[in-house]
Protein backbone atom coordinates (compact mmCIF):
# COMPACT_ATOMS: atom_id res chain seq x y z
CA MET A 1 -91.57 -67.41 56.35
CA THR A 2 -88.82 -69.04 58.20
CA THR A 3 -87.45 -67.90 61.88
CA SER A 4 -84.07 -68.69 63.28
CA THR A 5 -83.34 -68.72 67.18
CA THR A 6 -79.90 -69.40 68.72
CA TYR A 7 -80.12 -70.95 72.00
CA LEU A 8 -77.45 -71.27 74.74
CA VAL A 9 -76.93 -74.98 75.74
CA ASP A 10 -74.94 -75.84 78.67
CA GLY A 11 -72.79 -79.21 79.20
CA MET A 12 -72.12 -79.87 75.36
CA SER A 13 -68.49 -80.52 74.48
CA CYS A 14 -68.31 -83.28 71.33
CA GLU A 15 -69.62 -84.65 68.65
CA HIS A 16 -72.03 -86.84 70.57
CA CYS A 17 -73.44 -83.82 72.46
CA GLU A 18 -73.85 -82.19 69.14
CA ARG A 19 -75.57 -85.52 67.58
CA ALA A 20 -77.89 -86.15 70.56
CA VAL A 21 -79.29 -82.38 70.71
CA THR A 22 -79.61 -81.95 67.06
CA ALA A 23 -81.57 -85.19 67.12
CA GLU A 24 -84.20 -84.05 69.68
CA LEU A 25 -84.66 -80.73 68.40
CA SER A 26 -85.18 -81.88 64.91
CA ARG A 27 -88.09 -83.99 65.97
CA LEU A 28 -90.07 -80.60 67.02
CA PRO A 29 -92.75 -79.81 64.44
CA GLY A 30 -91.65 -77.31 61.95
CA THR A 31 -88.06 -77.52 62.25
CA SER A 32 -85.91 -77.54 59.34
CA THR A 33 -82.35 -76.92 60.62
CA VAL A 34 -80.23 -77.23 63.83
CA GLU A 35 -76.42 -75.73 63.54
CA VAL A 36 -74.35 -76.47 66.56
CA GLU A 37 -71.18 -74.03 67.31
CA MET A 38 -69.09 -75.26 70.40
CA ALA A 39 -66.32 -73.07 72.02
CA GLU A 40 -64.37 -74.49 74.82
CA GLY A 41 -65.28 -72.88 78.05
CA SER A 42 -68.59 -71.43 76.87
CA PRO A 43 -72.06 -72.83 76.31
CA ALA A 44 -72.92 -73.96 73.06
CA ARG A 45 -74.85 -71.68 70.46
CA VAL A 46 -77.44 -73.71 68.86
CA THR A 47 -79.32 -72.06 66.03
CA VAL A 48 -82.72 -73.83 65.17
CA THR A 49 -84.57 -72.73 62.18
CA SER A 50 -88.06 -73.36 61.75
CA ALA A 51 -91.74 -72.53 59.70
CA ALA A 52 -92.63 -70.47 62.69
CA PRO A 53 -91.23 -69.58 66.12
CA LEU A 54 -90.78 -72.19 68.54
CA ASP A 55 -92.35 -72.57 71.87
CA GLU A 56 -89.32 -72.35 74.26
CA GLN A 57 -90.37 -74.76 76.75
CA ALA A 58 -90.64 -77.32 73.85
CA VAL A 59 -87.03 -76.60 73.02
CA ARG A 60 -86.00 -76.85 76.68
CA ALA A 61 -87.93 -80.29 76.91
CA ALA A 62 -85.97 -81.44 73.72
CA VAL A 63 -82.76 -80.39 74.95
CA ASP A 64 -83.06 -81.70 78.45
CA GLU A 65 -84.31 -85.22 77.07
CA ALA A 66 -81.06 -85.26 75.32
CA GLY A 67 -79.15 -84.79 78.50
CA TYR A 68 -78.38 -80.97 78.32
CA ASP A 69 -79.03 -77.63 80.01
CA LEU A 70 -80.75 -75.03 77.92
CA LEU A 71 -79.65 -71.47 79.55
CA GLY A 72 -82.01 -69.13 77.35
CA VAL A 73 -81.84 -67.50 74.04
CA ALA A 74 -78.42 -65.83 72.91
CA THR A 75 -78.83 -62.15 72.54
CA VAL A 76 -76.03 -61.29 70.46
């Protein structure tokens, strides 16, 4: 069974940002896809699909390694 979680990430504004975050999150065990939606003036919505729920601290560390800030899980 797969699971998808959408996270809010601050500081992303370009294709480089998207590639950096996608690369780091893709390294997390069990991750199958990473999709990024950016909108000017809002945090990016990063949806991660994985084999099982990911540890939020691991996601936070991956986003931090890419140079951005994880704000939390999107509620809507």
